[in-house]
Amino acid sequence: MTRTQLTYNYLVMKARIEKARKPSRAMTPQALEMVAARFRAMGEPLRLRILQTLENGELSVSALTETIGSTQPNISKHLKVLQDAGLLQRRQQGNVAFYSISDPMVLELCETVCSRLRDRLEAQVGALNGLVLAVRR
């Protein structure tokens, strides 16, 4: 690659990084605690399965229990954590409680994390494949 091409590539990459950066917003300790609570609520695999299941719409606790394959008390406990974090909303109809996602941003966040993880794993697989090819030669 020529020096001109390297300079151009550097400038393009720098411009992309600058464009991707968003201005920092200072947050109060209370606001940071609220953000941390949401991340803690999503830090449990079963809760992520609940969110994934509710992606297609509202379900009752019994339907979630059956779909996920856990016990009703366990599902209810996790639903409460997600509701308290503001990620789910609850609707009561007679004796049946229905849950749905109250903040669609949680699905976007999950997709972003999964996408980045997929990219990282694909890069690792590519590096390992390159290593295997180098060893075979």
N, C-alpha and C. Protein backbone atom coordinates (compact mmCIF):
# COMPACT_ATOMS: atom_id res chain seq x y z
N MET A 1 0.84 -1.17 0.00
CA MET A 1 0.00 0.00 0.00
C MET A 1 0.90 1.24 0.00
N THR A 2 0.52 2.23 -0.78
CA THR A 2 1.31 3.46 -0.83
C THR A 2 1.05 4.31 0.40
N ARG A 3 1.93 5.28 0.59
CA ARG A 3 1.78 6.20 1.72
C ARG A 3 0.48 6.99 1.61
N THR A 4 0.11 7.36 0.40
CA THR A 4 -1.14 8.10 0.18
C THR A 4 -2.34 7.26 0.56
N GLN A 5 -2.32 5.99 0.17
CA GLN A 5 -3.43 5.10 0.52
C GLN A 5 -3.52 4.90 2.03
N LEU A 6 -2.37 4.74 2.69
CA LEU A 6 -2.35 4.58 4.14
C LEU A 6 -2.90 5.82 4.84
N THR A 7 -2.50 6.99 4.36
CA THR A 7 -3.00 8.24 4.93
C THR A 7 -4.50 8.36 4.74
N TYR A 8 -4.96 8.03 3.54
CA TYR A 8 -6.39 8.09 3.25
C TYR A 8 -7.16 7.14 4.17
N ASN A 9 -6.68 5.89 4.29
CA ASN A 9 -7.34 4.92 5.15
C ASN A 9 -7.38 5.39 6.61
N TYR A 10 -6.29 5.99 7.06
CA TYR A 10 -6.24 6.50 8.42
C TYR A 10 -7.27 7.61 8.61
N LEU A 11 -7.35 8.53 7.68
CA LEU A 11 -8.30 9.65 7.80
C LEU A 11 -9.75 9.17 7.76
N VAL A 12 -10.03 8.19 6.91
CA VAL A 12 -11.38 7.64 6.83
C VAL A 12 -11.74 6.97 8.15
N MET A 13 -10.82 6.17 8.70
CA MET A 13 -11.08 5.49 9.96
C MET A 13 -11.25 6.51 11.09
N LYS A 14 -10.43 7.53 11.12
CA LYS A 14 -10.53 8.56 12.15
C LYS A 14 -11.87 9.28 12.07
N ALA A 15 -12.32 9.58 10.85
CA ALA A 15 -13.61 10.25 10.67
C ALA A 15 -14.76 9.36 11.15
N ARG A 16 -14.68 8.08 10.89
CA ARG A 16 -15.72 7.15 11.34
C ARG A 16 -15.77 7.09 12.87
N ILE A 17 -14.61 7.05 13.49
CA ILE A 17 -14.56 7.00 14.95
C ILE A 17 -15.14 8.28 15.54
N GLU A 18 -14.76 9.42 14.99
CA GLU A 18 -15.28 10.70 15.50
C GLU A 18 -16.79 10.78 15.33
N LYS A 19 -17.29 10.29 14.20
CA LYS A 19 -18.73 10.32 13.94
C LYS A 19 -19.47 9.42 14.92
N ALA A 20 -18.85 8.29 15.27
CA ALA A 20 -19.50 7.33 16.18
C ALA A 20 -19.52 7.82 17.62
N ARG A 21 -18.59 8.68 17.97
CA ARG A 21 -18.55 9.19 19.35
C ARG A 21 -19.71 10.12 19.60
N LYS A 22 -20.29 9.95 20.76
CA LYS A 22 -21.37 10.83 21.17
C LYS A 22 -20.87 11.65 22.35
N PRO A 23 -21.37 12.87 22.47
CA PRO A 23 -20.91 13.67 23.60
C PRO A 23 -21.23 12.99 24.92
N SER A 24 -20.29 13.07 25.84
CA SER A 24 -20.46 12.47 27.16
C SER A 24 -21.48 13.26 27.96
N ARG A 25 -22.38 12.54 28.61
CA ARG A 25 -23.37 13.17 29.48
C ARG A 25 -23.08 12.77 30.91
N ALA A 26 -22.74 13.76 31.71
CA ALA A 26 -22.48 13.49 33.12
C ALA A 26 -23.79 13.07 33.78
N MET A 27 -23.73 12.02 34.56
CA MET A 27 -24.93 11.52 35.22
C MET A 27 -24.75 11.59 36.73
N THR A 28 -25.84 11.80 37.42
CA THR A 28 -25.80 11.82 38.88
C THR A 28 -25.60 10.40 39.39
N PRO A 29 -25.13 10.26 40.61
CA PRO A 29 -24.99 8.91 41.18
C PRO A 29 -26.32 8.15 41.19
N GLN A 30 -27.43 8.86 41.42
CA GLN A 30 -28.74 8.20 41.42
C GLN A 30 -29.09 7.68 40.02
N ALA A 31 -28.81 8.46 39.01
CA ALA A 31 -29.08 8.03 37.64
C ALA A 31 -28.22 6.83 37.27
N LEU A 32 -26.95 6.86 37.66
CA LEU A 32 -26.06 5.74 37.39
C LEU A 32 -26.55 4.47 38.09
N GLU A 33 -27.09 4.60 39.29
CA GLU A 33 -27.63 3.44 39.99
C GLU A 33 -28.82 2.85 39.24
N MET A 34 -29.65 3.72 38.67
CA MET A 34 -30.80 3.23 37.89
C MET A 34 -30.34 2.47 36.65
N VAL A 35 -29.31 2.99 36.00
CA VAL A 35 -28.75 2.31 34.83
C VAL A 35 -28.17 0.96 35.24
N ALA A 36 -27.41 0.96 36.33
CA ALA A 36 -26.81 -0.28 36.81
C ALA A 36 -27.87 -1.31 37.17
N ALA A 37 -28.98 -0.86 37.74
CA ALA A 37 -30.07 -1.79 38.10
C ALA A 37 -30.62 -2.48 36.86
N ARG A 38 -30.73 -1.73 35.78
CA ARG A 38 -31.21 -2.35 34.53
C ARG A 38 -30.23 -3.40 34.02
N PHE A 39 -28.95 -3.06 34.06
CA PHE A 39 -27.96 -4.03 33.61
C PHE A 39 -27.94 -5.26 34.52
N ARG A 40 -28.06 -5.06 35.83
CA ARG A 40 -28.11 -6.21 36.75
C ARG A 40 -29.33 -7.08 36.43
N ALA A 41 -30.46 -6.44 36.15
CA ALA A 41 -31.67 -7.21 35.84
C ALA A 41 -31.48 -8.07 34.60
N MET A 42 -30.68 -7.59 33.67
CA MET A 42 -30.44 -8.34 32.44
C MET A 42 -29.24 -9.27 32.55
N GLY A 43 -28.61 -9.32 33.72
CA GLY A 43 -27.40 -10.11 33.89
C GLY A 43 -27.63 -11.57 34.23
N GLU A 44 -28.83 -12.05 34.09
CA GLU A 44 -29.18 -13.43 34.41
C GLU A 44 -29.69 -14.11 33.14
N PRO A 45 -29.11 -15.25 32.74
CA PRO A 45 -29.54 -15.91 31.49
C PRO A 45 -31.04 -16.20 31.42
N LEU A 46 -31.64 -16.61 32.53
CA LEU A 46 -33.08 -16.91 32.49
C LEU A 46 -33.89 -15.65 32.19
N ARG A 47 -33.46 -14.52 32.72
CA ARG A 47 -34.17 -13.27 32.44
C ARG A 47 -34.03 -12.88 30.98
N LEU A 48 -32.87 -13.15 30.41
CA LEU A 48 -32.70 -12.89 28.98
C LEU A 48 -33.60 -13.80 28.15
N ARG A 49 -33.78 -15.04 28.60
CA ARG A 49 -34.69 -15.95 27.90
C ARG A 49 -36.13 -15.45 27.99
N ILE A 50 -36.48 -14.90 29.15
CA ILE A 50 -37.83 -14.33 29.32
C ILE A 50 -38.01 -13.16 28.35
N LEU A 51 -37.04 -12.27 28.29
CA LEU A 51 -37.13 -11.13 27.37
C LEU A 51 -37.22 -11.61 25.92
N GLN A 52 -36.41 -12.60 25.59
CA GLN A 52 -36.43 -13.14 24.23
C GLN A 52 -37.80 -13.75 23.90
N THR A 53 -38.38 -14.43 24.86
CA THR A 53 -39.69 -15.05 24.65
C THR A 53 -40.78 -13.99 24.50
N LEU A 54 -40.67 -12.92 25.26
CA LEU A 54 -41.68 -11.85 25.20
C LEU A 54 -41.49 -10.91 24.01
N GLU A 55 -40.44 -11.12 23.26
CA GLU A 55 -40.19 -10.30 22.07
C GLU A 55 -41.35 -10.39 21.08
N ASN A 56 -42.03 -11.53 21.06
CA ASN A 56 -43.14 -11.73 20.13
C ASN A 56 -44.48 -11.26 20.67
N GLY A 57 -44.49 -10.74 21.90
CA GLY A 57 -45.74 -10.22 22.46
C GLY A 57 -46.03 -10.72 23.85
N GLU A 58 -47.09 -10.22 24.38
CA GLU A 58 -47.52 -10.47 25.76
C GLU A 58 -47.83 -11.96 25.99
N LEU A 59 -47.44 -12.44 27.18
CA LEU A 59 -47.74 -13.82 27.57
C LEU A 59 -48.10 -13.86 29.05
N SER A 60 -48.87 -14.87 29.40
CA SER A 60 -49.20 -15.09 30.82
C SER A 60 -48.03 -15.78 31.50
N VAL A 61 -48.05 -15.75 32.82
CA VAL A 61 -46.99 -16.41 33.59
C VAL A 61 -46.98 -17.91 33.27
N SER A 62 -48.15 -18.52 33.18
CA SER A 62 -48.19 -19.97 32.89
C SER A 62 -47.65 -20.28 31.50
N ALA A 63 -47.95 -19.42 30.53
CA ALA A 63 -47.41 -19.64 29.18
C ALA A 63 -45.89 -19.48 29.17
N LEU A 64 -45.38 -18.50 29.91
CA LEU A 64 -43.93 -18.33 30.01
C LEU A 64 -43.29 -19.53 30.68
N THR A 65 -43.92 -20.01 31.75
CA THR A 65 -43.41 -21.17 32.47
C THR A 65 -43.31 -22.38 31.55
N GLU A 66 -44.34 -22.60 30.76
CA GLU A 66 -44.36 -23.74 29.84
C GLU A 66 -43.34 -23.57 28.72
N THR A 67 -43.28 -22.38 28.16
CA THR A 67 -42.37 -22.13 27.04
C THR A 67 -40.91 -22.23 27.46
N ILE A 68 -40.59 -21.67 28.61
CA ILE A 68 -39.20 -21.64 29.07
C ILE A 68 -38.79 -22.93 29.75
N GLY A 69 -39.76 -23.61 30.35
CA GLY A 69 -39.45 -24.89 31.00
C GLY A 69 -38.86 -24.73 32.38
N SER A 70 -39.40 -23.81 33.14
CA SER A 70 -38.97 -23.62 34.52
C SER A 70 -40.20 -23.67 35.40
N THR A 71 -39.99 -23.49 36.69
CA THR A 71 -41.13 -23.53 37.60
C THR A 71 -41.81 -22.16 37.66
N GLN A 72 -43.08 -22.16 38.03
CA GLN A 72 -43.84 -20.91 38.12
C GLN A 72 -43.25 -19.96 39.16
N PRO A 73 -42.87 -20.45 40.37
CA PRO A 73 -42.27 -19.51 41.34
C PRO A 73 -40.97 -18.89 40.83
N ASN A 74 -40.17 -19.67 40.13
CA ASN A 74 -38.90 -19.15 39.61
C ASN A 74 -39.14 -18.09 38.53
N ILE A 75 -40.05 -18.39 37.62
CA ILE A 75 -40.38 -17.42 36.56
C ILE A 75 -40.96 -16.16 37.18
N SER A 76 -41.84 -16.29 38.14
CA SER A 76 -42.45 -15.13 38.79
C SER A 76 -41.40 -14.25 39.47
N LYS A 77 -40.44 -14.88 40.11
CA LYS A 77 -39.37 -14.13 40.78
C LYS A 77 -38.59 -13.29 39.77
N HIS A 78 -38.26 -13.89 38.64
CA HIS A 78 -37.49 -13.18 37.62
C HIS A 78 -38.33 -12.11 36.92
N LEU A 79 -39.61 -12.39 36.74
CA LEU A 79 -40.50 -11.38 36.16
C LEU A 79 -40.56 -10.13 37.04
N LYS A 80 -40.59 -10.34 38.35
CA LYS A 80 -40.64 -9.22 39.30
C LYS A 80 -39.39 -8.36 39.19
N VAL A 81 -38.23 -8.99 39.07
CA VAL A 81 -36.97 -8.25 38.93
C VAL A 81 -36.99 -7.41 37.65
N LEU A 82 -37.43 -8.02 36.55
CA LEU A 82 -37.49 -7.30 35.28
C LEU A 82 -38.52 -6.16 35.31
N GLN A 83 -39.62 -6.40 35.99
CA GLN A 83 -40.64 -5.36 36.13
C GLN A 83 -40.13 -4.21 37.00
N ASP A 84 -39.49 -4.53 38.11
CA ASP A 84 -38.94 -3.50 39.00
C ASP A 84 -37.88 -2.65 38.29
N ALA A 85 -37.16 -3.24 37.34
CA ALA A 85 -36.14 -2.51 36.59
C ALA A 85 -36.75 -1.67 35.46
N GLY A 86 -38.07 -1.80 35.27
CA GLY A 86 -38.74 -1.02 34.24
C GLY A 86 -38.68 -1.62 32.86
N LEU A 87 -38.30 -2.90 32.77
CA LEU A 87 -38.19 -3.55 31.47
C LEU A 87 -39.47 -4.25 31.04
N LEU A 88 -40.30 -4.63 32.01
CA LEU A 88 -41.55 -5.31 31.71
C LEU A 88 -42.72 -4.55 32.33
N GLN A 89 -43.87 -4.75 31.72
CA GLN A 89 -45.10 -4.25 32.33
C GLN A 89 -46.02 -5.44 32.56
N ARG A 90 -46.87 -5.29 33.55
CA ARG A 90 -47.76 -6.37 33.98
C ARG A 90 -49.20 -5.91 33.81
N ARG A 91 -50.02 -6.84 33.30
CA ARG A 91 -51.45 -6.57 33.15
C ARG A 91 -52.19 -7.72 33.80
N GLN A 92 -53.09 -7.39 34.70
CA GLN A 92 -53.88 -8.40 35.41
C GLN A 92 -55.24 -8.54 34.74
N GLN A 93 -55.62 -9.77 34.46
CA GLN A 93 -56.94 -10.05 33.91
C GLN A 93 -57.52 -11.21 34.72
N GLY A 94 -58.37 -10.86 35.66
CA GLY A 94 -58.90 -11.87 36.58
C GLY A 94 -57.77 -12.41 37.44
N ASN A 95 -57.61 -13.72 37.43
CA ASN A 95 -56.54 -14.35 38.20
C ASN A 95 -55.25 -14.54 37.41
N VAL A 96 -55.24 -14.07 36.18
CA VAL A 96 -54.10 -14.30 35.29
C VAL A 96 -53.31 -13.00 35.10
N ALA A 97 -51.99 -13.10 35.28
CA ALA A 97 -51.10 -11.96 35.04
C ALA A 97 -50.41 -12.14 33.70
N PHE A 98 -50.43 -11.07 32.91
CA PHE A 98 -49.79 -11.06 31.60
C PHE A 98 -48.63 -10.08 31.64
N TYR A 99 -47.52 -10.46 31.01
CA TYR A 99 -46.34 -9.61 30.97
C TYR A 99 -45.97 -9.30 29.52
N SER A 100 -45.45 -8.10 29.34
CA SER A 100 -44.95 -7.69 28.03
C SER A 100 -43.77 -6.74 28.23
N ILE A 101 -43.01 -6.56 27.20
CA ILE A 101 -41.85 -5.67 27.26
C ILE A 101 -42.35 -4.23 27.26
N SER A 102 -41.91 -3.46 28.25
CA SER A 102 -42.36 -2.07 28.36
C SER A 102 -41.41 -1.10 27.69
N ASP A 103 -40.17 -1.51 27.48
CA ASP A 103 -39.18 -0.63 26.86
C ASP A 103 -38.51 -1.38 25.71
N PRO A 104 -38.95 -1.12 24.47
CA PRO A 104 -38.39 -1.84 23.31
C PRO A 104 -36.88 -1.64 23.15
N MET A 105 -36.33 -0.62 23.78
CA MET A 105 -34.89 -0.39 23.69
C MET A 105 -34.09 -1.57 24.23
N VAL A 106 -34.68 -2.32 25.16
CA VAL A 106 -33.98 -3.48 25.72
C VAL A 106 -33.69 -4.51 24.62
N LEU A 107 -34.59 -4.63 23.66
CA LEU A 107 -34.37 -5.58 22.56
C LEU A 107 -33.25 -5.08 21.66
N GLU A 108 -33.18 -3.78 21.43
CA GLU A 108 -32.10 -3.21 20.64
C GLU A 108 -30.76 -3.40 21.34
N LEU A 109 -30.75 -3.22 22.64
CA LEU A 109 -29.53 -3.41 23.42
C LEU A 109 -29.07 -4.86 23.31
N CYS A 110 -29.99 -5.78 23.46
CA CYS A 110 -29.65 -7.21 23.35
C CYS A 110 -29.11 -7.53 21.96
N GLU A 111 -29.73 -6.97 20.94
CA GLU A 111 -29.28 -7.21 19.57
C GLU A 111 -27.88 -6.64 19.35
N THR A 112 -27.61 -5.46 19.90
CA THR A 112 -26.28 -4.85 19.78
C THR A 112 -25.23 -5.73 20.43
N VAL A 113 -25.50 -6.18 21.65
CA VAL A 113 -24.54 -7.02 22.37
C VAL A 113 -24.33 -8.33 21.62
N CYS A 114 -25.41 -8.96 21.18
CA CYS A 114 -25.30 -10.23 20.46
C CYS A 114 -24.53 -10.07 19.15
N SER A 115 -24.79 -8.98 18.45
CA SER A 115 -24.11 -8.71 17.19
C SER A 115 -22.61 -8.54 17.40
N ARG A 116 -22.24 -7.78 18.42
CA ARG A 116 -20.81 -7.57 18.71
C ARG A 116 -20.15 -8.88 19.14
N LEU A 117 -20.85 -9.67 19.92
CA LEU A 117 -20.32 -10.96 20.35
C LEU A 117 -20.12 -11.88 19.14
N ARG A 118 -21.10 -11.89 18.25
CA ARG A 118 -21.00 -12.70 17.03
C ARG A 118 -19.79 -12.26 16.20
N ASP A 119 -19.59 -10.95 16.04
CA ASP A 119 -18.44 -10.43 15.28
C ASP A 119 -17.13 -10.87 15.92
N ARG A 120 -17.08 -10.79 17.24
CA ARG A 120 -15.85 -11.16 17.95
C ARG A 120 -15.56 -12.65 17.79
N LEU A 121 -16.59 -13.48 17.91
CA LEU A 121 -16.40 -14.92 17.76
C LEU A 121 -16.00 -15.29 16.34
N GLU A 122 -16.61 -14.62 15.36
CA GLU A 122 -16.24 -14.87 13.96
C GLU A 122 -14.79 -14.49 13.71
N ALA A 123 -14.33 -13.39 14.30
CA ALA A 123 -12.94 -12.97 14.16
C ALA A 123 -12.01 -14.00 14.79
N GLN A 124 -12.40 -14.54 15.95
CA GLN A 124 -11.57 -15.55 16.61
C GLN A 124 -11.51 -16.82 15.78
N VAL A 125 -12.65 -17.22 15.20
CA VAL A 125 -12.67 -18.41 14.35
C VAL A 125 -11.78 -18.18 13.13
N GLY A 126 -11.88 -16.99 12.54
CA GLY A 126 -11.02 -16.66 11.40
C GLY A 126 -9.54 -16.73 11.75
N ALA A 127 -9.19 -16.21 12.91
CA ALA A 127 -7.80 -16.25 13.35
C ALA A 127 -7.34 -17.69 13.58
N LEU A 128 -8.20 -18.50 14.17
CA LEU A 128 -7.85 -19.91 14.40
C LEU A 128 -7.71 -20.66 13.08
N ASN A 129 -8.61 -20.37 12.12
CA ASN A 129 -8.50 -21.01 10.81
C ASN A 129 -7.19 -20.63 10.13
N GLY A 130 -6.80 -19.37 10.27
CA GLY A 130 -5.52 -18.93 9.70
C GLY A 130 -4.35 -19.64 10.34
N LEU A 131 -4.43 -19.84 11.65
CA LEU A 131 -3.38 -20.53 12.38
C LEU A 131 -3.29 -21.99 11.94
N VAL A 132 -4.43 -22.62 11.77
CA VAL A 132 -4.45 -24.03 11.34
C VAL A 132 -3.85 -24.16 9.95
N LEU A 133 -4.20 -23.23 9.05
CA LEU A 133 -3.64 -23.27 7.69
C LEU A 133 -2.13 -23.06 7.72
N ALA A 134 -1.66 -22.16 8.58
CA ALA A 134 -0.23 -21.90 8.67
C ALA A 134 0.53 -23.12 9.20
N VAL A 135 -0.07 -23.82 10.14
CA VAL A 135 0.57 -25.00 10.72
C VAL A 135 0.62 -26.13 9.69
N ARG A 136 -0.40 -26.26 8.87
CA ARG A 136 -0.46 -27.33 7.87
C ARG A 136 0.54 -27.13 6.76
N ARG A 137 0.95 -25.90 6.53
CA ARG A 137 1.88 -25.62 5.41
C ARG A 137 3.25 -26.02 5.74
